[in-house]
Amino acid sequence: DNPGLVSHVPVGVRILDINDNPPELARDYDVVVCENAKPGQVIQTITATDKDNSANGARFHFSLDEELPFNPNFTLRDNEG
């Protein structure tokens, strides 16, 4: 038997909050990336909810941690706009 090639990479998501109720991820995620995934292909969509109403600023803003080294294999699309 030829063992399959496997690599594990932890990805941390930190949720910051500025109003009454903290945003929450809809669930825990365990993502598998197939070897034939194409560049730019969406691998996972992460969903969060916030109990604050939109008048209190329930809109989310996503950004990559600027303290971590740049990785062209990981990008993020914000929900703004």
PDB file of N, CA and C in Angstrom:
ATOM      1  N   ASP A   1       0.832  -1.198   0.000  1.00  0.00           N
ATOM      2  CA  ASP A   1       0.000   0.000   0.000  1.00  0.00           C
ATOM      3  C   ASP A   1       0.868   1.249   0.000  1.00  0.00           C
ATOM      4  N   ASN A   2       0.372   2.248  -0.683  1.00  0.00           N
ATOM      5  CA  ASN A   2       1.042   3.545  -0.737  1.00  0.00           C
ATOM      6  C   ASN A   2       0.257   4.511   0.143  1.00  0.00           C
ATOM      7  N   PRO A   3       0.813   4.930   1.262  1.00  0.00           N
ATOM      8  CA  PRO A   3       0.056   5.835   2.145  1.00  0.00           C
ATOM      9  C   PRO A   3      -0.218   7.166   1.455  1.00  0.00           C
ATOM     10  N   GLY A   4      -1.408   7.706   1.671  1.00  0.00           N
ATOM     11  CA  GLY A   4      -1.768   8.994   1.085  1.00  0.00           C
ATOM     12  C   GLY A   4      -0.995  10.128   1.729  1.00  0.00           C
ATOM     13  N   LEU A   5      -0.806  11.170   0.964  1.00  0.00           N
ATOM     14  CA  LEU A   5      -0.134  12.356   1.496  1.00  0.00           C
ATOM     15  C   LEU A   5      -1.160  13.207   2.226  1.00  0.00           C
ATOM     16  N   VAL A   6      -0.855  13.538   3.454  1.00  0.00           N
ATOM     17  CA  VAL A   6      -1.771  14.315   4.278  1.00  0.00           C
ATOM     18  C   VAL A   6      -0.993  15.425   4.954  1.00  0.00           C
ATOM     19  N   SER A   7      -1.600  16.587   5.022  1.00  0.00           N
ATOM     20  CA  SER A   7      -1.012  17.708   5.742  1.00  0.00           C
ATOM     21  C   SER A   7      -2.113  18.387   6.532  1.00  0.00           C
ATOM     22  N   HIS A   8      -1.802  18.787   7.733  1.00  0.00           N
ATOM     23  CA  HIS A   8      -2.775  19.475   8.585  1.00  0.00           C
ATOM     24  C   HIS A   8      -2.282  20.892   8.841  1.00  0.00           C
ATOM     25  N   VAL A   9      -3.180  21.857   8.682  1.00  0.00           N
ATOM     26  CA  VAL A   9      -2.840  23.256   8.917  1.00  0.00           C
ATOM     27  C   VAL A   9      -3.945  23.876   9.763  1.00  0.00           C
ATOM     28  N   PRO A  10      -3.638  24.270  10.980  1.00  0.00           N
ATOM     29  CA  PRO A  10      -4.667  24.945  11.778  1.00  0.00           C
ATOM     30  C   PRO A  10      -4.864  26.379  11.289  1.00  0.00           C
ATOM     31  N   VAL A  11      -6.110  26.805  11.223  1.00  0.00           N
ATOM     32  CA  VAL A  11      -6.446  28.183  10.866  1.00  0.00           C
ATOM     33  C   VAL A  11      -7.270  28.741  12.009  1.00  0.00           C
ATOM     34  N   GLY A  12      -6.779  29.791  12.617  1.00  0.00           N
ATOM     35  CA  GLY A  12      -7.490  30.406  13.735  1.00  0.00           C
ATOM     36  C   GLY A  12      -8.351  31.563  13.267  1.00  0.00           C
ATOM     37  N   VAL A  13      -9.543  31.659  13.811  1.00  0.00           N
ATOM     38  CA  VAL A  13     -10.445  32.776  13.540  1.00  0.00           C
ATOM     39  C   VAL A  13     -10.734  33.442  14.870  1.00  0.00           C
ATOM     40  N   ARG A  14     -10.348  34.698  14.973  1.00  0.00           N
ATOM     41  CA  ARG A  14     -10.606  35.456  16.195  1.00  0.00           C
ATOM     42  C   ARG A  14     -11.758  36.406  15.901  1.00  0.00           C
ATOM     43  N   ILE A  15     -12.752  36.416  16.763  1.00  0.00           N
ATOM     44  CA  ILE A  15     -13.924  37.269  16.578  1.00  0.00           C
ATOM     45  C   ILE A  15     -13.871  38.374  17.617  1.00  0.00           C
ATOM     46  N   LEU A  16     -13.800  39.603  17.138  1.00  0.00           N
ATOM     47  CA  LEU A  16     -13.785  40.763  18.023  1.00  0.00           C
ATOM     48  C   LEU A  16     -15.161  41.408  18.002  1.00  0.00           C
ATOM     49  N   ASP A  17     -15.551  41.996  19.108  1.00  0.00           N
ATOM     50  CA  ASP A  17     -16.883  42.586  19.211  1.00  0.00           C
ATOM     51  C   ASP A  17     -16.788  43.969  19.822  1.00  0.00           C
ATOM     52  N   ILE A  18     -17.615  44.882  19.326  1.00  0.00           N
ATOM     53  CA  ILE A  18     -17.599  46.245  19.859  1.00  0.00           C
ATOM     54  C   ILE A  18     -18.950  46.667  20.425  1.00  0.00           C
ATOM     55  N   ASN A  19     -19.926  45.757  20.443  1.00  0.00           N
ATOM     56  CA  ASN A  19     -21.235  46.138  20.969  1.00  0.00           C
ATOM     57  C   ASN A  19     -21.722  45.086  21.971  1.00  0.00           C
ATOM     58  N   ASP A  20     -23.013  44.986  22.185  1.00  0.00           N
ATOM     59  CA  ASP A  20     -23.574  44.184  23.275  1.00  0.00           C
ATOM     60  C   ASP A  20     -23.344  42.677  23.167  1.00  0.00           C
ATOM     61  N   ASN A  21     -23.715  42.090  22.049  1.00  0.00           N
ATOM     62  CA  ASN A  21     -23.673  40.635  21.898  1.00  0.00           C
ATOM     63  C   ASN A  21     -22.519  40.220  20.988  1.00  0.00           C
ATOM     64  N   PRO A  22     -21.718  39.262  21.415  1.00  0.00           N
ATOM     65  CA  PRO A  22     -20.593  38.838  20.569  1.00  0.00           C
ATOM     66  C   PRO A  22     -21.072  38.023  19.375  1.00  0.00           C
ATOM     67  N   PRO A  23     -20.418  38.193  18.218  1.00  0.00           N
ATOM     68  CA  PRO A  23     -20.734  37.326  17.079  1.00  0.00           C
ATOM     69  C   PRO A  23     -20.307  35.893  17.389  1.00  0.00           C
ATOM     70  N   GLU A  24     -20.995  34.935  16.789  1.00  0.00           N
ATOM     71  CA  GLU A  24     -20.693  33.526  17.017  1.00  0.00           C
ATOM     72  C   GLU A  24     -20.607  32.807  15.683  1.00  0.00           C
ATOM     73  N   LEU A  25     -19.630  31.903  15.558  1.00  0.00           N
ATOM     74  CA  LEU A  25     -19.578  31.058  14.376  1.00  0.00           C
ATOM     75  C   LEU A  25     -20.784  30.133  14.400  1.00  0.00           C
ATOM     76  N   ALA A  26     -21.351  29.867  13.240  1.00  0.00           N
ATOM     77  CA  ALA A  26     -22.543  29.034  13.163  1.00  0.00           C
ATOM     78  C   ALA A  26     -22.276  27.607  13.631  1.00  0.00           C
ATOM     79  N   ARG A  27     -21.022  27.136  13.442  1.00  0.00           N
ATOM     80  CA  ARG A  27     -20.656  25.779  13.852  1.00  0.00           C
ATOM     81  C   ARG A  27     -19.139  25.667  13.854  1.00  0.00           C
ATOM     82  N   ASP A  28     -18.611  24.537  14.312  1.00  0.00           N
ATOM     83  CA  ASP A  28     -17.187  24.243  14.171  1.00  0.00           C
ATOM     84  C   ASP A  28     -16.948  23.756  12.749  1.00  0.00           C
ATOM     85  N   TYR A  29     -15.769  24.018  12.224  1.00  0.00           N
ATOM     86  CA  TYR A  29     -15.455  23.647  10.845  1.00  0.00           C
ATOM     87  C   TYR A  29     -14.267  22.695  10.811  1.00  0.00           C
ATOM     88  N   ASP A  30     -14.379  21.654  10.018  1.00  0.00           N
ATOM     89  CA  ASP A  30     -13.287  20.726   9.734  1.00  0.00           C
ATOM     90  C   ASP A  30     -13.254  20.609   8.215  1.00  0.00           C
ATOM     91  N   VAL A  31     -12.313  21.276   7.585  1.00  0.00           N
ATOM     92  CA  VAL A  31     -12.304  21.450   6.136  1.00  0.00           C
ATOM     93  C   VAL A  31     -11.283  20.525   5.494  1.00  0.00           C
ATOM     94  N   VAL A  32     -11.655  19.940   4.380  1.00  0.00           N
ATOM     95  CA  VAL A  32     -10.758  19.105   3.592  1.00  0.00           C
ATOM     96  C   VAL A  32     -10.552  19.782   2.245  1.00  0.00           C
ATOM     97  N   VAL A  33      -9.297  19.932   1.846  1.00  0.00           N
ATOM     98  CA  VAL A  33      -8.965  20.509   0.544  1.00  0.00           C
ATOM     99  C   VAL A  33      -8.466  19.375  -0.343  1.00  0.00           C
ATOM    100  N   CYS A  34      -9.152  19.129  -1.427  1.00  0.00           N
ATOM    101  CA  CYS A  34      -8.764  18.057  -2.347  1.00  0.00           C
ATOM    102  C   CYS A  34      -7.551  18.475  -3.165  1.00  0.00           C
ATOM    103  N   GLU A  35      -6.757  17.508  -3.563  1.00  0.00           N
ATOM    104  CA  GLU A  35      -5.532  17.796  -4.307  1.00  0.00           C
ATOM    105  C   GLU A  35      -5.805  18.419  -5.663  1.00  0.00           C
ATOM    106  N   ASN A  36      -7.003  18.265  -6.204  1.00  0.00           N
ATOM    107  CA  ASN A  36      -7.310  18.855  -7.502  1.00  0.00           C
ATOM    108  C   ASN A  36      -8.027  20.203  -7.381  1.00  0.00           C
ATOM    109  N   ALA A  37      -7.992  20.822  -6.201  1.00  0.00           N
ATOM    110  CA  ALA A  37      -8.584  22.151  -6.022  1.00  0.00           C
ATOM    111  C   ALA A  37      -7.828  23.152  -6.889  1.00  0.00           C
ATOM    112  N   LYS A  38      -8.563  24.032  -7.542  1.00  0.00           N
ATOM    113  CA  LYS A  38      -7.983  25.017  -8.457  1.00  0.00           C
ATOM    114  C   LYS A  38      -7.626  26.299  -7.709  1.00  0.00           C
ATOM    115  N   PRO A  39      -6.600  27.026  -8.172  1.00  0.00           N
ATOM    116  CA  PRO A  39      -6.271  28.327  -7.569  1.00  0.00           C
ATOM    117  C   PRO A  39      -7.483  29.260  -7.632  1.00  0.00           C
ATOM    118  N   GLY A  40      -7.757  29.929  -6.539  1.00  0.00           N
ATOM    119  CA  GLY A  40      -8.885  30.849  -6.478  1.00  0.00           C
ATOM    120  C   GLY A  40     -10.216  30.188  -6.177  1.00  0.00           C
ATOM    121  N   GLN A  41     -10.236  28.870  -6.093  1.00  0.00           N
ATOM    122  CA  GLN A  41     -11.468  28.145  -5.804  1.00  0.00           C
ATOM    123  C   GLN A  41     -11.864  28.357  -4.350  1.00  0.00           C
ATOM    124  N   VAL A  42     -13.149  28.591  -4.104  1.00  0.00           N
ATOM    125  CA  VAL A  42     -13.642  28.719  -2.731  1.00  0.00           C
ATOM    126  C   VAL A  42     -13.577  27.343  -2.081  1.00  0.00           C
ATOM    127  N   ILE A  43     -12.904  27.264  -0.958  1.00  0.00           N
ATOM    128  CA  ILE A  43     -12.753  25.998  -0.241  1.00  0.00           C
ATOM    129  C   ILE A  43     -13.773  25.891   0.885  1.00  0.00           C
ATOM    130  N   GLN A  44     -14.004  26.993   1.592  1.00  0.00           N
ATOM    131  CA  GLN A  44     -14.940  26.972   2.714  1.00  0.00           C
ATOM    132  C   GLN A  44     -15.537  28.354   2.899  1.00  0.00           C
ATOM    133  N   THR A  45     -16.811  28.406   3.181  1.00  0.00           N
ATOM    134  CA  THR A  45     -17.476  29.641   3.571  1.00  0.00           C
ATOM    135  C   THR A  45     -17.769  29.532   5.060  1.00  0.00           C
ATOM    136  N   ILE A  46     -17.309  30.516   5.808  1.00  0.00           N
ATOM    137  CA  ILE A  46     -17.532  30.529   7.253  1.00  0.00           C
ATOM    138  C   ILE A  46     -18.659  31.500   7.549  1.00  0.00           C
ATOM    139  N   THR A  47     -19.627  31.046   8.312  1.00  0.00           N
ATOM    140  CA  THR A  47     -20.798  31.855   8.622  1.00  0.00           C
ATOM    141  C   THR A  47     -20.806  32.205  10.106  1.00  0.00           C
ATOM    142  N   ALA A  48     -21.095  33.470  10.391  1.00  0.00           N
ATOM    143  CA  ALA A  48     -21.214  33.925  11.777  1.00  0.00           C
ATOM    144  C   ALA A  48     -22.529  34.674  11.922  1.00  0.00           C
ATOM    145  N   THR A  49     -23.050  34.685  13.128  1.00  0.00           N
ATOM    146  CA  THR A  49     -24.271  35.429  13.417  1.00  0.00           C
ATOM    147  C   THR A  49     -24.009  36.371  14.584  1.00  0.00           C
ATOM    148  N   ASP A  50     -24.800  37.419  14.653  1.00  0.00           N
ATOM    149  CA  ASP A  50     -24.683  38.394  15.733  1.00  0.00           C
ATOM    150  C   ASP A  50     -26.090  38.765  16.166  1.00  0.00           C
ATOM    151  N   LYS A  51     -26.382  38.656  17.447  1.00  0.00           N
ATOM    152  CA  LYS A  51     -27.725  38.939  17.955  1.00  0.00           C
ATOM    153  C   LYS A  51     -28.038  40.430  18.003  1.00  0.00           C
ATOM    154  N   ASP A  52     -27.018  41.286  17.841  1.00  0.00           N
ATOM    155  CA  ASP A  52     -27.281  42.724  17.806  1.00  0.00           C
ATOM    156  C   ASP A  52     -28.029  43.066  16.523  1.00  0.00           C
ATOM    157  N   ASN A  53     -28.961  44.013  16.622  1.00  0.00           N
ATOM    158  CA  ASN A  53     -29.657  44.400  15.396  1.00  0.00           C
ATOM    159  C   ASN A  53     -28.760  45.302  14.562  1.00  0.00           C
ATOM    160  N   SER A  54     -29.085  45.463  13.310  1.00  0.00           N
ATOM    161  CA  SER A  54     -28.211  46.193  12.388  1.00  0.00           C
ATOM    162  C   SER A  54     -28.048  47.660  12.783  1.00  0.00           C
ATOM    163  N   ALA A  55     -28.982  48.215  13.530  1.00  0.00           N
ATOM    164  CA  ALA A  55     -28.843  49.601  13.991  1.00  0.00           C
ATOM    165  C   ALA A  55     -27.664  49.737  14.949  1.00  0.00           C
ATOM    166  N   ASN A  56     -27.306  48.639  15.624  1.00  0.00           N
ATOM    167  CA  ASN A  56     -26.171  48.653  16.544  1.00  0.00           C
ATOM    168  C   ASN A  56     -24.877  48.215  15.882  1.00  0.00           C
ATOM    169  N   GLY A  57     -24.893  48.075  14.568  1.00  0.00           N
ATOM    170  CA  GLY A  57     -23.666  47.735  13.854  1.00  0.00           C
ATOM    171  C   GLY A  57     -23.377  46.257  13.768  1.00  0.00           C
ATOM    172  N   ALA A  58     -24.363  45.440  13.460  1.00  0.00           N
ATOM    173  CA  ALA A  58     -24.164  43.995  13.393  1.00  0.00           C
ATOM    174  C   ALA A  58     -23.429  43.544  12.137  1.00  0.00           C
ATOM    175  N   ARG A  59     -23.042  44.460  11.277  1.00  0.00           N
ATOM    176  CA  ARG A  59     -22.296  44.104  10.068  1.00  0.00           C
ATOM    177  C   ARG A  59     -20.902  43.624  10.463  1.00  0.00           C
ATOM    178  N   PHE A  60     -20.426  42.584   9.803  1.00  0.00           N
ATOM    179  CA  PHE A  60     -19.120  42.014  10.104  1.00  0.00           C
ATOM    180  C   PHE A  60     -18.048  42.604   9.207  1.00  0.00           C
ATOM    181  N   HIS A  61     -16.838  42.631   9.711  1.00  0.00           N
ATOM    182  CA  HIS A  61     -15.669  43.005   8.915  1.00  0.00           C
ATOM    183  C   HIS A  61     -14.616  41.937   9.137  1.00  0.00           C
ATOM    184  N   PHE A  62     -14.102  41.387   8.055  1.00  0.00           N
ATOM    185  CA  PHE A  62     -13.097  40.330   8.132  1.00  0.00           C
ATOM    186  C   PHE A  62     -11.774  40.854   7.619  1.00  0.00           C
ATOM    187  N   SER A  63     -10.680  40.470   8.250  1.00  0.00           N
ATOM    188  CA  SER A  63      -9.353  40.845   7.752  1.00  0.00           C
ATOM    189  C   SER A  63      -8.342  39.807   8.212  1.00  0.00           C
ATOM    190  N   LEU A  64      -7.255  39.697   7.450  1.00  0.00           N
ATOM    191  CA  LEU A  64      -6.175  38.795   7.835  1.00  0.00           C
ATOM    192  C   LEU A  64      -5.324  39.462   8.895  1.00  0.00           C
ATOM    193  N   ASP A  65      -4.761  38.681   9.780  1.00  0.00           N
ATOM    194  CA  ASP A  65      -3.907  39.195  10.844  1.00  0.00           C
ATOM    195  C   ASP A  65      -2.624  39.746  10.237  1.00  0.00           C
ATOM    196  N   GLU A  66      -2.393  41.034  10.409  1.00  0.00           N
ATOM    197  CA  GLU A  66      -1.223  41.686   9.812  1.00  0.00           C
ATOM    198  C   GLU A  66       0.084  41.268  10.478  1.00  0.00           C
ATOM    199  N   GLU A  67       0.019  40.668  11.661  1.00  0.00           N
ATOM    200  CA  GLU A  67       1.229  40.239  12.361  1.00  0.00           C
ATOM    201  C   GLU A  67       1.762  38.906  11.826  1.00  0.00           C
ATOM    202  N   LEU A  68       0.949  38.189  11.060  1.00  0.00           N
ATOM    203  CA  LEU A  68       1.378  36.910  10.503  1.00  0.00           C
ATOM    204  C   LEU A  68       2.005  37.130   9.136  1.00  0.00           C
ATOM    205  N   PRO A  69       2.929  36.256   8.730  1.00  0.00           N
ATOM    206  CA  PRO A  69       3.556  36.417   7.415  1.00  0.00           C
ATOM    207  C   PRO A  69       2.536  36.241   6.295  1.00  0.00           C
ATOM    208  N   PHE A  70       2.771  36.939   5.185  1.00  0.00           N
ATOM    209  CA  PHE A  70       1.890  36.853   4.020  1.00  0.00           C
ATOM    210  C   PHE A  70       1.912  35.436   3.456  1.00  0.00           C
ATOM    211  N   ASN A  71       0.750  34.900   3.144  1.00  0.00           N
ATOM    212  CA  ASN A  71       0.640  33.572   2.546  1.00  0.00           C
ATOM    213  C   ASN A  71      -0.278  33.681   1.336  1.00  0.00           C
ATOM    214  N   PRO A  72       0.271  33.575   0.103  1.00  0.00           N
ATOM    215  CA  PRO A  72      -0.562  33.726  -1.090  1.00  0.00           C
ATOM    216  C   PRO A  72      -1.566  32.588  -1.269  1.00  0.00           C
ATOM    217  N   ASN A  73      -1.454  31.527  -0.488  1.00  0.00           N
ATOM    218  CA  ASN A  73      -2.381  30.406  -0.597  1.00  0.00           C
ATOM    219  C   ASN A  73      -3.637  30.596   0.246  1.00  0.00           C
ATOM    220  N   PHE A  74      -3.699  31.690   0.995  1.00  0.00           N
ATOM    221  CA  PHE A  74      -4.860  31.940   1.847  1.00  0.00           C
ATOM    222  C   PHE A  74      -5.323  33.366   1.619  1.00  0.00           C
ATOM    223  N   THR A  75      -6.533  33.533   1.151  1.00  0.00           N
ATOM    224  CA  THR A  75      -7.095  34.865   0.934  1.00  0.00           C
ATOM    225  C   THR A  75      -8.451  34.944   1.616  1.00  0.00           C
ATOM    226  N   LEU A  76      -8.952  36.142   1.691  1.00  0.00           N
ATOM    227  CA  LEU A  76     -10.192  36.390   2.401  1.00  0.00           C
ATOM    228  C   LEU A  76     -10.999  37.397   1.616  1.00  0.00           C
ATOM    229  N   ARG A  77     -12.288  37.121   1.449  1.00  0.00           N
ATOM    230  CA  ARG A  77     -13.186  38.077   0.820  1.00  0.00           C
ATOM    231  C   ARG A  77     -14.143  38.588   1.883  1.00  0.00           C
ATOM    232  N   ASP A  78     -14.179  39.889   2.040  1.00  0.00           N
ATOM    233  CA  ASP A  78     -15.011  40.522   3.058  1.00  0.00           C
ATOM    234  C   ASP A  78     -16.458  40.580   2.579  1.00  0.00           C
ATOM    235  N   ASN A  79     -17.376  40.781   3.510  1.00  0.00           N
ATOM    236  CA  ASN A  79     -18.773  40.936   3.132  1.00  0.00           C
ATOM    237  C   ASN A  79     -19.144  42.400   2.950  1.00  0.00           C
ATOM    238  N   GLU A  80     -18.186  43.303   3.052  1.00  0.00           N
ATOM    239  CA  GLU A  80     -18.476  44.717   2.835  1.00  0.00           C
ATOM    240  C   GLU A  80     -18.592  44.985   1.344  1.00  0.00           C
ATOM    241  N   GLY A  81     -19.574  45.779   0.970  1.00  0.00           N
ATOM    242  CA  GLY A  81     -19.687  46.174  -0.432  1.00  0.00           C
ATOM    243  C   GLY A  81     -20.595  45.332  -1.250  1.00  0.00           C
TER     244      GLY A  81
END
